[in-house]
Structure formats: C-alpha cells, structure tokens
C-alpha cells in the first residue's frame, strides 16, 4: 500500500512539475506574442500620408506596370521618408483632386498642379518644386504654326484639353476674350484622350504641359509640338486650408529636399538628363 501511495505521489509531483514548466513556456510564448502584436501595432500605427493624383501625366506621374511612378511620386516619397510617414498614392480624376483635398478625403494633391489665383481660393499651396510650360500639340501637316494662329480673329480651330488643368483654363479664357465659341474647346478626362482625339481629327490642337506633350508626341506618329511655348507656370502641392499643421510639415520637408539637391536630382532623372 505504501509503495502504491509512493508511486501515486511521485506521479503527481511529476505532473505538477510538467504543468509548471508548461505554464512557464506559455508565459514566455504569451510575452513573445504580446511583443509581436506590439510590433505589428507600432508598424500599422505609422502615420499615413495620402496623396491624390491623376496618373496620366508623364513624367510627373504615370503607371509602370501597376505602380505609379514619376517626379511627383518620388518627391512625395522623399517627403514621407523625411517625416517618417507611410505614403499612399491614390489615382483619381484630375478635376476631383482639389475637392477631395478640401473635404479631407486626401491629405494633399500632387499632379503637376499649377499655382493659380483661382485655386488659391480653394486650397493652400506648398513652395514650388518644379516649373512647367504649357505647349500646343498639332499634327505634323497642320496649318497651325503658332498660338497666334489659333487665337486669330477669324480662326475656328477646335482645341482639346484635359478637364480643369491650366491648359483648359488658359485656352478657355483666351477664347472668351477673343469672342470665340466655347464649343470649340473639348474637355477630356485625361491627356491620353485629348491626344487620341487629335490623332483621329476630332480636334485641331491640344494644349497641355510640355513634358507630357513630349511623351505623347514620342509615342504617337504624325504629331509635333509648336516651337513657341504658350504659358510658363510653377508646380506645387495643394492642401486643405484648415490643414495648416500638415502643410507646414510637408513644406518644411520639401524645402529641405530642395536645398540638399534631392528634388533637382529627381527632376533631372526624368527630364533634364534626357
């Protein structure tokens, strides 16, 4: 009987030790799991910087496979890195960018966007990070030799533009001043659509930023850019007027990146080095 009791006690002690050991391991595993959860939470809690753009504006923003690349994408990423933020780029229609930023749906808008007095009434802008030129694309055999030909008193040329861009604004204003019908201007959602309309003869010219113009002409047979520029302008990042704190942080980072040559190197990569 004593032997049996001793055996039972021994088994019980072994079981207790095993249970304690198991508890010890569970505690360690729980700690590791807790640490892992904390790490994941820390990573996911990294502040996100959401940039609205229209990714059909090479070389400022365009698709390389499924990824949006270009000058604006790289400058925005450099800003996010400097601020320790996670960058998210959202591709939307150009004419929806300012509204999306105003309502807080997006933190900022960056799409080769020109600073204009009209836009300043709706949003605030950062310092300028690049200079753009509005150019005119025509067919190689076009009778249009300069902007003056388009704006001539008796001319009735049809012009294509990307909706809500400065090209749209400038040519619309000039046509109005010249007393020309607004029906002579066709607004498209993308520069691609405007250039396709030019190629098919639906419009006689396209007014668009010079860098995208060069890309479109290089990719489309039978088109050329007029030698004379239409308008020179500055590009900047837009923010909601009530988002001063973010604007100041982003602008501070941008100015540092301009000062240390990062922005210039990005622009050179896509434009000046060509």
C-alpha atoms as a PDB file:
ATOM      1  CA  UNK A   1       0.000   0.000   0.000  1.00  0.00           C
ATOM      2  CA  UNK A   2       2.791   2.362   0.941  1.00  0.00           C
ATOM      3  CA  UNK A   3       4.524   1.512  -2.295  1.00  0.00           C
ATOM      4  CA  UNK A   4       1.359   2.281  -4.235  1.00  0.00           C
ATOM      5  CA  UNK A   5       0.924   5.560  -2.366  1.00  0.00           C
ATOM      6  CA  UNK A   6       4.519   6.497  -3.046  1.00  0.00           C
ATOM      7  CA  UNK A   7       4.082   5.814  -6.712  1.00  0.00           C
ATOM      8  CA  UNK A   8       0.917   7.936  -6.858  1.00  0.00           C
ATOM      9  CA  UNK A   9       2.662  10.807  -5.061  1.00  0.00           C
ATOM     10  CA  UNK A  10       5.623  10.581  -7.433  1.00  0.00           C
ATOM     11  CA  UNK A  11       3.359  10.703 -10.474  1.00  0.00           C
ATOM     12  CA  UNK A  12       1.518  13.664  -9.014  1.00  0.00           C
ATOM     13  CA  UNK A  13       4.784  15.533  -8.394  1.00  0.00           C
ATOM     14  CA  UNK A  14       5.972  14.857 -11.939  1.00  0.00           C
ATOM     15  CA  UNK A  15       2.663  16.096 -13.318  1.00  0.00           C
ATOM     16  CA  UNK A  16       2.910  19.238 -11.208  1.00  0.00           C
ATOM     17  CA  UNK A  17       6.420  19.947 -12.420  1.00  0.00           C
ATOM     18  CA  UNK A  18       5.345  19.377 -16.003  1.00  0.00           C
ATOM     19  CA  UNK A  19       2.371  21.708 -15.503  1.00  0.00           C
ATOM     20  CA  UNK A  20       4.579  24.402 -14.034  1.00  0.00           C
ATOM     21  CA  UNK A  21       7.023  24.016 -16.874  1.00  0.00           C
ATOM     22  CA  UNK A  22       4.145  24.274 -19.314  1.00  0.00           C
ATOM     23  CA  UNK A  23       2.912  27.418 -17.608  1.00  0.00           C
ATOM     24  CA  UNK A  24       6.404  28.843 -17.825  1.00  0.00           C
ATOM     25  CA  UNK A  25       6.554  28.194 -21.574  1.00  0.00           C
ATOM     26  CA  UNK A  26       3.098  29.622 -22.114  1.00  0.00           C
ATOM     27  CA  UNK A  27       4.132  32.727 -20.270  1.00  0.00           C
ATOM     28  CA  UNK A  28       7.184  33.108 -22.487  1.00  0.00           C
ATOM     29  CA  UNK A  29       5.121  32.454 -25.619  1.00  0.00           C
ATOM     30  CA  UNK A  30       2.498  34.906 -24.423  1.00  0.00           C
ATOM     31  CA  UNK A  31       5.196  37.514 -23.914  1.00  0.00           C
ATOM     32  CA  UNK A  32       6.566  36.847 -27.402  1.00  0.00           C
ATOM     33  CA  UNK A  33       3.070  37.030 -28.874  1.00  0.00           C
ATOM     34  CA  UNK A  34       2.467  40.263 -26.994  1.00  0.00           C
ATOM     35  CA  UNK A  35       5.750  41.692 -28.274  1.00  0.00           C
ATOM     36  CA  UNK A  36       4.852  40.644 -31.825  1.00  0.00           C
ATOM     37  CA  UNK A  37       1.432  42.236 -31.517  1.00  0.00           C
ATOM     38  CA  UNK A  38       3.038  45.419 -30.236  1.00  0.00           C
ATOM     39  CA  UNK A  39       5.462  45.393 -33.157  1.00  0.00           C
ATOM     40  CA  UNK A  40       2.622  44.950 -35.655  1.00  0.00           C
ATOM     41  CA  UNK A  41       0.593  47.656 -33.945  1.00  0.00           C
ATOM     42  CA  UNK A  42       3.561  50.002 -33.996  1.00  0.00           C
ATOM     43  CA  UNK A  43       4.152  49.351 -37.688  1.00  0.00           C
ATOM     44  CA  UNK A  44       0.495  49.792 -38.597  1.00  0.00           C
ATOM     45  CA  UNK A  45       0.154  52.927 -36.491  1.00  0.00           C
ATOM     46  CA  UNK A  46       2.764  54.733 -38.586  1.00  0.00           C
ATOM     47  CA  UNK A  47       1.109  57.915 -39.801  1.00  0.00           C
ATOM     48  CA  UNK A  48      -0.097  57.704 -43.396  1.00  0.00           C
ATOM     49  CA  UNK A  49       0.323  60.486 -45.950  1.00  0.00           C
ATOM     50  CA  UNK A  50      -2.308  60.180 -48.681  1.00  0.00           C
ATOM     51  CA  UNK A  51      -1.520  61.860 -51.991  1.00  0.00           C
ATOM     52  CA  UNK A  52      -4.208  62.320 -54.641  1.00  0.00           C
ATOM     53  CA  UNK A  53      -3.012  62.429 -58.244  1.00  0.00           C
ATOM     54  CA  UNK A  54      -4.015  61.717 -61.817  1.00  0.00           C
ATOM     55  CA  UNK A  55      -1.518  59.171 -63.082  1.00  0.00           C
ATOM     56  CA  UNK A  56      -1.674  60.025 -66.788  1.00  0.00           C
ATOM     57  CA  UNK A  57       0.709  62.937 -66.767  1.00  0.00           C
ATOM     58  CA  UNK A  58       4.194  61.642 -67.644  1.00  0.00           C
ATOM     59  CA  UNK A  59       6.855  62.175 -66.454  1.00  0.00           C
ATOM     60  CA  UNK A  60       5.268  63.632 -63.310  1.00  0.00           C
ATOM     61  CA  UNK A  61       3.022  60.639 -62.658  1.00  0.00           C
ATOM     62  CA  UNK A  62       2.290  57.575 -64.745  1.00  0.00           C
ATOM     63  CA  UNK A  63       1.986  53.818 -64.451  1.00  0.00           C
ATOM     64  CA  UNK A  64       4.926  51.444 -64.672  1.00  0.00           C
ATOM     65  CA  UNK A  65       3.028  48.174 -64.615  1.00  0.00           C
ATOM     66  CA  UNK A  66       0.687  48.535 -61.639  1.00  0.00           C
ATOM     67  CA  UNK A  67       2.893  51.033 -59.812  1.00  0.00           C
ATOM     68  CA  UNK A  68       2.555  54.815 -60.067  1.00  0.00           C
ATOM     69  CA  UNK A  69       5.961  56.384 -60.690  1.00  0.00           C
ATOM     70  CA  UNK A  70       7.339  59.732 -61.829  1.00  0.00           C
ATOM     71  CA  UNK A  71       8.634  63.022 -60.456  1.00  0.00           C
ATOM     72  CA  UNK A  72       5.703  63.686 -58.136  1.00  0.00           C
ATOM     73  CA  UNK A  73       5.656  60.118 -56.837  1.00  0.00           C
ATOM     74  CA  UNK A  74       9.373  60.226 -55.982  1.00  0.00           C
ATOM     75  CA  UNK A  75       9.275  63.700 -54.427  1.00  0.00           C
ATOM     76  CA  UNK A  76       6.270  62.675 -52.322  1.00  0.00           C
ATOM     77  CA  UNK A  77       8.063  59.507 -51.205  1.00  0.00           C
ATOM     78  CA  UNK A  78      11.136  61.536 -50.214  1.00  0.00           C
ATOM     79  CA  UNK A  79       8.897  63.855 -48.187  1.00  0.00           C
ATOM     80  CA  UNK A  80       7.152  60.916 -46.477  1.00  0.00           C
ATOM     81  CA  UNK A  81      10.509  59.293 -45.659  1.00  0.00           C
ATOM     82  CA  UNK A  82      11.818  62.506 -44.121  1.00  0.00           C
ATOM     83  CA  UNK A  83       8.656  62.841 -41.998  1.00  0.00           C
ATOM     84  CA  UNK A  84       8.650  59.158 -41.026  1.00  0.00           C
ATOM     85  CA  UNK A  85       5.282  58.604 -42.689  1.00  0.00           C
ATOM     86  CA  UNK A  86       3.838  55.931 -44.953  1.00  0.00           C
ATOM     87  CA  UNK A  87       2.966  57.260 -48.424  1.00  0.00           C
ATOM     88  CA  UNK A  88      -0.224  56.174 -50.167  1.00  0.00           C
ATOM     89  CA  UNK A  89      -0.845  57.398 -53.733  1.00  0.00           C
ATOM     90  CA  UNK A  90      -4.435  57.411 -54.993  1.00  0.00           C
ATOM     91  CA  UNK A  91      -5.195  57.786 -58.709  1.00  0.00           C
ATOM     92  CA  UNK A  92      -8.360  59.832 -59.368  1.00  0.00           C
ATOM     93  CA  UNK A  93      -9.698  62.213 -61.999  1.00  0.00           C
ATOM     94  CA  UNK A  94      -7.730  65.463 -62.073  1.00  0.00           C
ATOM     95  CA  UNK A  95     -10.795  67.644 -61.564  1.00  0.00           C
ATOM     96  CA  UNK A  96     -11.633  65.723 -58.343  1.00  0.00           C
ATOM     97  CA  UNK A  97      -8.276  66.321 -56.631  1.00  0.00           C
ATOM     98  CA  UNK A  98      -8.957  69.742 -55.105  1.00  0.00           C
ATOM     99  CA  UNK A  99     -12.420  68.715 -53.899  1.00  0.00           C
ATOM    100  CA  UNK A 100     -11.006  65.538 -52.353  1.00  0.00           C
ATOM    101  CA  UNK A 101      -8.310  67.513 -50.549  1.00  0.00           C
ATOM    102  CA  UNK A 102     -10.791  70.155 -49.392  1.00  0.00           C
ATOM    103  CA  UNK A 103     -13.072  67.555 -47.813  1.00  0.00           C
ATOM    104  CA  UNK A 104     -10.201  65.765 -46.085  1.00  0.00           C
ATOM    105  CA  UNK A 105     -10.515  62.579 -48.128  1.00  0.00           C
ATOM    106  CA  UNK A 106      -6.869  63.035 -49.167  1.00  0.00           C
ATOM    107  CA  UNK A 107      -4.066  64.787 -47.269  1.00  0.00           C
ATOM    108  CA  UNK A 108      -2.622  66.533 -50.294  1.00  0.00           C
ATOM    109  CA  UNK A 109      -2.816  66.819 -54.054  1.00  0.00           C
ATOM    110  CA  UNK A 110       0.234  66.433 -56.266  1.00  0.00           C
ATOM    111  CA  UNK A 111      -0.296  66.141 -60.000  1.00  0.00           C
ATOM    112  CA  UNK A 112       1.845  68.647 -61.845  1.00  0.00           C
ATOM    113  CA  UNK A 113      -0.566  71.156 -60.345  1.00  0.00           C
ATOM    114  CA  UNK A 114      -0.021  74.800 -61.191  1.00  0.00           C
ATOM    115  CA  UNK A 115      -0.444  77.528 -58.586  1.00  0.00           C
ATOM    116  CA  UNK A 116      -3.171  79.914 -59.759  1.00  0.00           C
ATOM    117  CA  UNK A 117      -5.117  82.685 -58.027  1.00  0.00           C
ATOM    118  CA  UNK A 118      -8.334  80.774 -58.665  1.00  0.00           C
ATOM    119  CA  UNK A 119      -7.037  77.612 -56.996  1.00  0.00           C
ATOM    120  CA  UNK A 120      -5.665  79.618 -54.064  1.00  0.00           C
ATOM    121  CA  UNK A 121      -9.245  80.485 -53.164  1.00  0.00           C
ATOM    122  CA  UNK A 122      -9.959  76.782 -52.578  1.00  0.00           C
ATOM    123  CA  UNK A 123      -6.681  75.321 -51.275  1.00  0.00           C
ATOM    124  CA  UNK A 124      -3.280  76.296 -49.896  1.00  0.00           C
ATOM    125  CA  UNK A 125      -0.035  75.508 -51.702  1.00  0.00           C
ATOM    126  CA  UNK A 126       3.475  74.480 -50.756  1.00  0.00           C
ATOM    127  CA  UNK A 127       6.608  76.076 -52.139  1.00  0.00           C
ATOM    128  CA  UNK A 128       7.080  75.408 -55.847  1.00  0.00           C
ATOM    129  CA  UNK A 129       9.204  72.348 -56.620  1.00  0.00           C
ATOM    130  CA  UNK A 130       9.194  72.476 -60.444  1.00  0.00           C
ATOM    131  CA  UNK A 131       8.460  74.772 -63.375  1.00  0.00           C
ATOM    132  CA  UNK A 132       6.153  73.774 -66.177  1.00  0.00           C
ATOM    133  CA  UNK A 133       5.373  75.099 -69.631  1.00  0.00           C
ATOM    134  CA  UNK A 134       2.049  74.885 -71.447  1.00  0.00           C
ATOM    135  CA  UNK A 135       2.615  73.757 -75.028  1.00  0.00           C
ATOM    136  CA  UNK A 136       0.485  73.098 -78.067  1.00  0.00           C
ATOM    137  CA  UNK A 137       0.449  69.779 -79.934  1.00  0.00           C
ATOM    138  CA  UNK A 138      -0.709  69.666 -83.555  1.00  0.00           C
ATOM    139  CA  UNK A 139      -0.450  67.282 -86.483  1.00  0.00           C
ATOM    140  CA  UNK A 140       2.786  67.495 -88.460  1.00  0.00           C
ATOM    141  CA  UNK A 141       0.970  68.831 -91.530  1.00  0.00           C
ATOM    142  CA  UNK A 142      -1.172  71.294 -89.562  1.00  0.00           C
ATOM    143  CA  UNK A 143      -1.728  74.839 -90.806  1.00  0.00           C
ATOM    144  CA  UNK A 144      -1.282  75.982 -87.193  1.00  0.00           C
ATOM    145  CA  UNK A 145       2.236  77.328 -86.781  1.00  0.00           C
ATOM    146  CA  UNK A 146       1.845  79.268 -83.507  1.00  0.00           C
ATOM    147  CA  UNK A 147      -0.623  80.049 -80.725  1.00  0.00           C
ATOM    148  CA  UNK A 148      -1.422  83.282 -82.585  1.00  0.00           C
ATOM    149  CA  UNK A 149      -2.883  81.217 -85.443  1.00  0.00           C
ATOM    150  CA  UNK A 150      -5.277  79.534 -83.013  1.00  0.00           C
ATOM    151  CA  UNK A 151      -6.330  82.827 -81.453  1.00  0.00           C
ATOM    152  CA  UNK A 152      -6.612  84.724 -84.760  1.00  0.00           C
ATOM    153  CA  UNK A 153      -9.888  86.640 -85.111  1.00  0.00           C
ATOM    154  CA  UNK A 154     -11.497  84.510 -87.804  1.00  0.00           C
ATOM    155  CA  UNK A 155      -9.929  81.179 -86.803  1.00  0.00           C
ATOM    156  CA  UNK A 156     -12.271  78.395 -85.711  1.00  0.00           C
ATOM    157  CA  UNK A 157      -9.808  75.740 -84.636  1.00  0.00           C
ATOM    158  CA  UNK A 158     -11.060  73.039 -82.262  1.00  0.00           C
ATOM    159  CA  UNK A 159      -8.818  72.592 -79.236  1.00  0.00           C
ATOM    160  CA  UNK A 160      -8.638  69.610 -76.883  1.00  0.00           C
ATOM    161  CA  UNK A 161      -7.629  69.946 -73.215  1.00  0.00           C
ATOM    162  CA  UNK A 162      -7.599  67.875 -70.042  1.00  0.00           C
ATOM    163  CA  UNK A 163     -10.509  68.922 -67.850  1.00  0.00           C
ATOM    164  CA  UNK A 164      -9.700  71.504 -65.116  1.00  0.00           C
ATOM    165  CA  UNK A 165      -5.998  71.745 -65.990  1.00  0.00           C
ATOM    166  CA  UNK A 166      -4.366  75.113 -66.517  1.00  0.00           C
ATOM    167  CA  UNK A 167      -4.290  74.358 -70.237  1.00  0.00           C
ATOM    168  CA  UNK A 168      -8.077  74.187 -70.043  1.00  0.00           C
ATOM    169  CA  UNK A 169      -8.213  77.430 -68.038  1.00  0.00           C
ATOM    170  CA  UNK A 170      -5.825  79.408 -70.259  1.00  0.00           C
ATOM    171  CA  UNK A 171      -7.295  78.489 -73.630  1.00  0.00           C
ATOM    172  CA  UNK A 172     -10.863  78.919 -72.332  1.00  0.00           C
ATOM    173  CA  UNK A 173     -10.017  82.422 -71.085  1.00  0.00           C
ATOM    174  CA  UNK A 174      -8.261  83.338 -74.320  1.00  0.00           C
ATOM    175  CA  UNK A 175     -11.126  82.036 -76.455  1.00  0.00           C
ATOM    176  CA  UNK A 176     -13.600  84.009 -74.367  1.00  0.00           C
ATOM    177  CA  UNK A 177     -11.517  87.180 -74.678  1.00  0.00           C
ATOM    178  CA  UNK A 178     -11.299  86.625 -78.438  1.00  0.00           C
ATOM    179  CA  UNK A 179     -15.068  86.201 -78.655  1.00  0.00           C
ATOM    180  CA  UNK A 180     -14.809  82.598 -79.818  1.00  0.00           C
ATOM    181  CA  UNK A 181     -17.404  79.943 -79.057  1.00  0.00           C
ATOM    182  CA  UNK A 182     -16.766  77.732 -76.020  1.00  0.00           C
ATOM    183  CA  UNK A 183     -17.976  74.855 -78.197  1.00  0.00           C
ATOM    184  CA  UNK A 184     -14.616  74.967 -79.997  1.00  0.00           C
ATOM    185  CA  UNK A 185     -12.977  73.597 -76.823  1.00  0.00           C
ATOM    186  CA  UNK A 186     -13.400  69.935 -75.880  1.00  0.00           C
ATOM    187  CA  UNK A 187     -12.537  68.826 -72.349  1.00  0.00           C
ATOM    188  CA  UNK A 188     -11.246  65.288 -71.809  1.00  0.00           C
ATOM    189  CA  UNK A 189     -10.675  63.367 -68.579  1.00  0.00           C
ATOM    190  CA  UNK A 190      -7.056  62.560 -69.486  1.00  0.00           C
ATOM    191  CA  UNK A 191      -4.304  63.879 -71.708  1.00  0.00           C
ATOM    192  CA  UNK A 192      -4.311  60.495 -73.444  1.00  0.00           C
ATOM    193  CA  UNK A 193      -7.902  61.039 -74.553  1.00  0.00           C
ATOM    194  CA  UNK A 194      -7.164  64.550 -75.826  1.00  0.00           C
ATOM    195  CA  UNK A 195      -4.176  63.384 -77.882  1.00  0.00           C
ATOM    196  CA  UNK A 196      -6.162  60.450 -79.281  1.00  0.00           C
ATOM    197  CA  UNK A 197      -8.822  62.935 -80.404  1.00  0.00           C
ATOM    198  CA  UNK A 198      -6.139  64.985 -82.146  1.00  0.00           C
ATOM    199  CA  UNK A 199      -4.783  61.926 -83.949  1.00  0.00           C
ATOM    200  CA  UNK A 200      -8.259  60.976 -85.159  1.00  0.00           C
ATOM    201  CA  UNK A 201      -9.024  64.508 -86.364  1.00  0.00           C
ATOM    202  CA  UNK A 202     -11.705  65.338 -83.787  1.00  0.00           C
ATOM    203  CA  UNK A 203      -9.707  68.372 -82.641  1.00  0.00           C
ATOM    204  CA  UNK A 204      -7.075  70.507 -84.374  1.00  0.00           C
ATOM    205  CA  UNK A 205      -4.730  71.049 -81.424  1.00  0.00           C
ATOM    206  CA  UNK A 206      -4.152  70.044 -77.806  1.00  0.00           C
ATOM    207  CA  UNK A 207      -2.967  72.417 -75.084  1.00  0.00           C
ATOM    208  CA  UNK A 208      -1.071  70.555 -72.354  1.00  0.00           C
ATOM    209  CA  UNK A 209       2.065  70.726 -70.214  1.00  0.00           C
ATOM    210  CA  UNK A 210       5.281  70.405 -72.182  1.00  0.00           C
ATOM    211  CA  UNK A 211       6.730  67.292 -70.526  1.00  0.00           C
ATOM    212  CA  UNK A 212       3.619  65.163 -71.027  1.00  0.00           C
ATOM    213  CA  UNK A 213       3.397  66.673 -74.522  1.00  0.00           C
ATOM    214  CA  UNK A 214       6.866  65.327 -75.332  1.00  0.00           C
ATOM    215  CA  UNK A 215       5.907  61.870 -74.098  1.00  0.00           C
ATOM    216  CA  UNK A 216       2.684  61.835 -76.112  1.00  0.00           C
ATOM    217  CA  UNK A 217       4.370  63.031 -79.300  1.00  0.00           C
ATOM    218  CA  UNK A 218       7.133  60.450 -78.921  1.00  0.00           C
ATOM    219  CA  UNK A 219       4.517  57.714 -78.596  1.00  0.00           C
ATOM    220  CA  UNK A 220       2.177  58.943 -81.352  1.00  0.00           C
ATOM    221  CA  UNK A 221       3.162  59.093 -85.003  1.00  0.00           C
ATOM    222  CA  UNK A 222       2.360  62.221 -87.005  1.00  0.00           C
ATOM    223  CA  UNK A 223       2.271  64.768 -84.177  1.00  0.00           C
ATOM    224  CA  UNK A 224       4.560  67.648 -83.191  1.00  0.00           C
ATOM    225  CA  UNK A 225       4.860  70.379 -80.568  1.00  0.00           C
ATOM    226  CA  UNK A 226       4.799  74.008 -81.693  1.00  0.00           C
ATOM    227  CA  UNK A 227       8.133  75.769 -81.202  1.00  0.00           C
ATOM    228  CA  UNK A 228       6.694  78.625 -79.144  1.00  0.00           C
ATOM    229  CA  UNK A 229       5.531  77.971 -75.584  1.00  0.00           C
ATOM    230  CA  UNK A 230       2.051  79.044 -74.535  1.00  0.00           C
ATOM    231  CA  UNK A 231       2.483  79.813 -70.797  1.00  0.00           C
ATOM    232  CA  UNK A 232       5.149  79.249 -68.115  1.00  0.00           C
ATOM    233  CA  UNK A 233       3.998  78.230 -64.610  1.00  0.00           C
ATOM    234  CA  UNK A 234       5.025  76.829 -61.208  1.00  0.00           C
ATOM    235  CA  UNK A 235       4.039  73.429 -59.776  1.00  0.00           C
ATOM    236  CA  UNK A 236       3.266  72.915 -56.079  1.00  0.00           C
ATOM    237  CA  UNK A 237       1.455  70.625 -53.624  1.00  0.00           C
ATOM    238  CA  UNK A 238      -2.069  71.570 -52.525  1.00  0.00           C
ATOM    239  CA  UNK A 239      -3.599  71.204 -49.037  1.00  0.00           C
ATOM    240  CA  UNK A 240      -6.941  71.915 -47.399  1.00  0.00           C
ATOM    241  CA  UNK A 241      -6.981  75.414 -45.919  1.00  0.00           C
ATOM    242  CA  UNK A 242      -7.739  74.038 -42.444  1.00  0.00           C
ATOM    243  CA  UNK A 243      -4.801  71.609 -42.554  1.00  0.00           C
ATOM    244  CA  UNK A 244      -2.081  74.108 -41.721  1.00  0.00           C
ATOM    245  CA  UNK A 245      -0.113  71.756 -39.457  1.00  0.00           C
ATOM    246  CA  UNK A 246       0.370  69.129 -42.174  1.00  0.00           C
ATOM    247  CA  UNK A 247       1.068  71.761 -44.825  1.00  0.00           C
ATOM    248  CA  UNK A 248       3.834  73.276 -42.688  1.00  0.00           C
ATOM    249  CA  UNK A 249       5.402  69.863 -42.002  1.00  0.00           C
ATOM    250  CA  UNK A 250       5.326  68.787 -45.637  1.00  0.00           C
ATOM    251  CA  UNK A 251       6.513  72.169 -46.867  1.00  0.00           C
ATOM    252  CA  UNK A 252       9.385  72.149 -44.364  1.00  0.00           C
ATOM    253  CA  UNK A 253      10.475  68.721 -45.586  1.00  0.00           C
ATOM    254  CA  UNK A 254      10.092  69.803 -49.219  1.00  0.00           C
ATOM    255  CA  UNK A 255      12.260  72.891 -48.719  1.00  0.00           C
ATOM    256  CA  UNK A 256      14.981  70.756 -47.110  1.00  0.00           C
ATOM    257  CA  UNK A 257      14.841  68.359 -50.073  1.00  0.00           C
ATOM    258  CA  UNK A 258      15.104  71.294 -52.482  1.00  0.00           C
ATOM    259  CA  UNK A 259      18.030  72.731 -50.534  1.00  0.00           C
ATOM    260  CA  UNK A 260      20.001  69.465 -50.380  1.00  0.00           C
ATOM    261  CA  UNK A 261      19.523  68.796 -54.110  1.00  0.00           C
ATOM    262  CA  UNK A 262      17.199  65.787 -53.780  1.00  0.00           C
ATOM    263  CA  UNK A 263      14.369  67.381 -55.756  1.00  0.00           C
ATOM    264  CA  UNK A 264      16.705  68.509 -58.532  1.00  0.00           C
ATOM    265  CA  UNK A 265      18.166  65.015 -58.833  1.00  0.00           C
ATOM    266  CA  UNK A 266      14.659  63.572 -59.170  1.00  0.00           C
ATOM    267  CA  UNK A 267      13.669  66.135 -61.821  1.00  0.00           C
ATOM    268  CA  UNK A 268      16.955  65.571 -63.680  1.00  0.00           C
ATOM    269  CA  UNK A 269      16.334  61.825 -63.656  1.00  0.00           C
ATOM    270  CA  UNK A 270      13.125  62.284 -65.623  1.00  0.00           C
ATOM    271  CA  UNK A 271      13.665  65.486 -67.592  1.00  0.00           C
ATOM    272  CA  UNK A 272      16.952  67.346 -67.733  1.00  0.00           C
ATOM    273  CA  UNK A 273      19.110  64.245 -68.094  1.00  0.00           C
ATOM    274  CA  UNK A 274      17.240  63.156 -71.225  1.00  0.00           C
END
